[in-house]
Amino acid sequence: HPYKYPFLIKHRDSISNISKTEKKYSGITVKYLPKSAINEGSTSWIKEGDIVILLSNIHGLDAAHLGIAVYTDGSLHLMHASSVGHRVIIDARPLKEQVNNPMYKGIRVLRVKG
């Protein structure tokens, strides 16, 4: 969907590189946690600082949004760039509520090794 991204509209030469990368990884099975399985107990393995990817239900778009895992009062939240607030925030909603949106199907978690 390059027409949806202003950067790609201005830099059409990047599209072929992105397409090559997509083809390289296409067909690889990557596990995720469905939103129906997300609750306080099912996410206890997620560490503060992990990257949490909100997965899309839109065909052809895997990642809809992402953020960094942050615990507030023992509850998992996301620090992310808010399209509503137009700034980086720690979302007031716990992750289990944030992912409860028809556009999301679940999450994938990445951890950077140090």
Protein backbone atom coordinates (compact mmCIF):
# COMPACT_ATOMS: atom_id res chain seq x y z
CA HIS A 1 0.00 0.00 0.00
CA PRO A 2 2.73 2.55 -0.87
CA TYR A 3 0.19 5.21 -1.84
CA LYS A 4 -0.81 5.46 1.84
CA TYR A 5 2.64 6.63 2.96
CA PRO A 6 3.77 10.19 2.11
CA PHE A 7 7.44 9.15 2.29
CA LEU A 8 6.94 6.47 -0.37
CA ILE A 9 5.00 8.83 -2.60
CA LYS A 10 7.98 11.20 -2.52
CA HIS A 11 10.62 8.43 -2.71
CA ARG A 12 9.22 5.92 -5.17
CA ASP A 13 12.70 4.42 -5.65
CA SER A 14 12.43 2.91 -2.13
CA ILE A 15 9.42 0.80 -3.11
CA SER A 16 11.44 -1.77 -5.07
CA ASN A 17 13.83 -2.31 -2.15
CA ILE A 18 10.92 -2.75 0.24
CA SER A 19 9.28 -5.16 -2.19
CA LYS A 20 12.45 -7.29 -2.38
CA THR A 21 12.60 -7.48 1.42
CA GLU A 22 8.92 -8.42 1.63
CA LYS A 23 9.42 -11.22 -0.91
CA LYS A 24 12.45 -12.51 1.02
CA TYR A 25 10.39 -12.94 4.20
CA SER A 26 7.05 -13.82 2.60
CA GLY A 27 5.71 -17.22 3.58
CA ILE A 28 7.65 -17.44 6.84
CA THR A 29 5.44 -18.51 9.71
CA VAL A 30 5.78 -16.23 12.71
CA LYS A 31 3.81 -16.92 15.88
CA TYR A 32 1.69 -14.31 17.60
CA LEU A 33 -0.60 -13.99 20.59
CA PRO A 34 -4.23 -13.62 19.46
CA LYS A 35 -6.11 -10.81 21.18
CA SER A 36 -8.62 -13.32 22.57
CA ALA A 37 -5.75 -14.81 24.61
CA ILE A 38 -4.45 -11.51 25.98
CA ASN A 39 -5.03 -11.00 29.69
CA GLU A 40 -2.87 -10.09 32.67
CA GLY A 41 -1.64 -13.65 33.18
CA SER A 42 -0.88 -14.37 29.52
CA THR A 43 1.46 -11.38 29.16
CA SER A 44 3.53 -11.76 32.33
CA TRP A 45 6.51 -12.97 30.25
CA ILE A 46 6.66 -9.62 28.42
CA LYS A 47 9.47 -7.52 29.89
CA GLU A 48 9.61 -3.76 30.28
CA GLY A 49 11.30 -2.43 27.14
CA ASP A 50 10.13 -5.21 24.82
CA ILE A 51 8.77 -4.04 21.47
CA VAL A 52 5.08 -4.89 21.12
CA ILE A 53 3.62 -4.98 17.62
CA LEU A 54 -0.14 -4.66 17.21
CA LEU A 55 -1.05 -6.94 14.31
CA SER A 56 -3.53 -5.85 11.68
CA ASN A 57 -6.58 -7.61 10.30
CA ILE A 58 -6.05 -5.79 6.99
CA HIS A 59 -4.91 -8.10 4.19
CA GLY A 60 -1.38 -7.21 3.09
CA LEU A 61 -0.60 -5.23 6.25
CA ASP A 62 0.98 -7.19 9.10
CA ALA A 63 1.84 -4.49 11.63
CA ALA A 64 -0.72 -1.79 12.33
CA HIS A 65 1.13 -0.08 15.19
CA LEU A 66 3.92 -0.68 17.68
CA GLY A 67 5.13 0.50 21.02
CA ILE A 68 7.41 -0.29 23.91
CA ALA A 69 6.19 -2.36 26.86
CA VAL A 70 5.85 -0.37 30.08
CA TYR A 71 4.38 -1.57 33.37
CA THR A 72 2.25 0.87 35.34
CA ASP A 73 0.99 -0.32 38.73
CA GLY A 74 1.69 -3.90 37.62
CA SER A 75 -0.37 -3.57 34.43
CA LEU A 76 1.11 -3.80 30.93
CA HIS A 77 0.78 -0.61 28.86
CA LEU A 78 2.37 0.69 25.66
CA MET A 79 4.56 3.72 25.23
CA HIS A 80 3.86 4.73 21.65
CA ALA A 81 3.41 7.59 19.20
CA SER A 82 -0.23 8.55 19.61
CA SER A 83 -2.08 9.61 16.47
CA VAL A 84 -4.68 11.24 18.70
CA GLY A 85 -2.29 13.08 21.01
CA HIS A 86 0.32 13.72 18.28
CA ARG A 87 3.12 12.86 20.69
CA VAL A 88 4.71 9.91 22.45
CA ILE A 89 2.60 8.77 25.41
CA ILE A 90 2.24 5.92 27.84
CA ASP A 91 -1.26 4.83 26.95
CA ALA A 92 -3.71 5.08 29.84
CA ARG A 93 -5.39 1.87 28.67
CA PRO A 94 -3.78 -1.45 29.56
CA LEU A 95 -2.59 -3.39 26.51
CA LYS A 96 -5.47 -5.87 26.80
CA GLU A 97 -7.92 -2.96 26.32
CA GLN A 98 -5.88 -1.22 23.63
CA VAL A 99 -5.69 -4.35 21.47
CA ASN A 100 -9.45 -4.87 21.83
CA ASN A 101 -10.09 -2.99 18.59
CA PRO A 102 -11.58 -4.58 15.45
CA MET A 103 -8.54 -3.56 13.40
CA TYR A 104 -6.15 -5.67 15.54
CA LYS A 105 -5.91 -9.47 15.58
CA GLY A 106 -3.24 -9.81 18.26
CA ILE A 107 0.35 -8.95 19.17
CA ARG A 108 3.88 -10.01 18.38
CA VAL A 109 6.70 -9.28 20.82
CA LEU A 110 10.33 -8.57 20.00
CA ARG A 111 13.15 -8.40 22.51
CA VAL A 112 16.45 -6.76 21.70
CA LYS A 113 19.43 -8.76 22.90
CA GLY A 114 22.12 -6.71 24.60
